[in-house]
Amino acid sequence: MSSTDRVVLEGGPDDLPERTVPVDTPGGEVKVPFRNGYEHFKATAREQDTPQGRLPVYEWWERTELPG
């Protein structure tokens, strides 16, 4: 994968603004800043057809809060 590759995010907050996001490293974790914290997504073995083509699906697994 290159730095312009994208993945589909599944789960997490319903009002997460983007469901297709760029990734730098394939197969790892994706951390999305959202509402004074981060939503964490992990790679799955699944793929999904999107307007950008067939993309890997990453599944929500936790949220961390920023201090303050």
Protein backbone atom coordinates (compact mmCIF):
# COMPACT_ATOMS: atom_id res chain seq x y z
CA MET A 1 0.00 0.00 0.00
CA SER A 2 1.10 3.57 -0.55
CA SER A 3 0.45 6.63 1.62
CA THR A 4 -2.61 7.45 -0.50
CA ASP A 5 -4.41 4.15 0.19
CA ARG A 6 -7.78 4.33 1.90
CA VAL A 7 -9.83 2.09 4.18
CA VAL A 8 -13.49 1.88 5.21
CA LEU A 9 -14.34 2.46 8.89
CA GLU A 10 -17.10 0.37 10.42
CA GLY A 11 -18.71 0.93 13.82
CA GLY A 12 -17.92 3.67 16.31
CA PRO A 13 -19.95 6.88 16.63
CA ASP A 14 -22.85 7.24 14.19
CA ASP A 15 -21.90 10.87 13.52
CA LEU A 16 -18.25 10.22 12.63
CA PRO A 17 -17.77 12.59 9.66
CA GLU A 18 -15.68 10.32 7.42
CA ARG A 19 -16.11 6.60 6.82
CA THR A 20 -13.41 6.28 4.16
CA VAL A 21 -10.01 7.51 5.37
CA PRO A 22 -6.37 7.40 4.20
CA VAL A 23 -3.86 5.08 5.90
CA ASP A 24 -0.06 5.12 5.93
CA THR A 25 0.55 1.55 7.11
CA PRO A 26 -1.59 -1.40 6.01
CA GLY A 27 -2.99 -3.87 8.52
CA GLY A 28 -2.31 -1.78 11.61
CA GLU A 29 -4.53 0.40 13.72
CA VAL A 30 -6.21 3.58 12.50
CA LYS A 31 -6.66 6.41 15.03
CA VAL A 32 -9.24 9.05 14.09
CA PRO A 33 -9.40 12.30 16.10
CA PHE A 34 -13.00 12.97 17.14
CA ARG A 35 -14.64 15.03 19.93
CA ASN A 36 -11.64 15.56 22.23
CA GLY A 37 -10.38 12.02 21.82
CA TYR A 38 -9.57 9.30 19.33
CA GLU A 39 -11.65 6.52 17.81
CA HIS A 40 -9.53 3.40 17.26
CA PHE A 41 -10.14 0.95 14.42
CA LYS A 42 -8.42 -2.40 13.69
CA ALA A 43 -8.01 -4.15 10.34
CA THR A 44 -10.31 -7.04 9.48
CA ALA A 45 -10.06 -9.66 6.73
CA ARG A 46 -13.09 -8.14 5.00
CA GLU A 47 -13.29 -5.73 2.05
CA GLN A 48 -16.08 -3.47 0.81
CA ASP A 49 -16.95 -2.05 -2.60
CA THR A 50 -16.89 1.77 -2.54
CA PRO A 51 -16.83 4.58 -5.13
CA GLN A 52 -12.99 4.51 -4.68
CA GLY A 53 -12.89 0.78 -5.47
CA ARG A 54 -12.67 -2.29 -3.22
CA LEU A 55 -11.20 -1.22 0.12
CA PRO A 56 -10.20 -3.01 3.34
CA VAL A 57 -12.65 -2.73 6.25
CA TYR A 58 -11.41 -1.54 9.65
CA GLU A 59 -13.63 -2.20 12.67
CA TRP A 60 -14.06 0.12 15.68
CA TRP A 61 -12.70 -1.33 18.92
CA GLU A 62 -12.21 1.52 21.44
CA ARG A 63 -12.18 5.22 22.20
CA THR A 64 -9.54 7.15 24.14
CA GLU A 65 -10.12 10.61 25.64
CA LEU A 66 -7.63 13.47 25.58
CA PRO A 67 -6.90 15.10 28.95
CA GLY A 68 -8.50 18.43 29.63
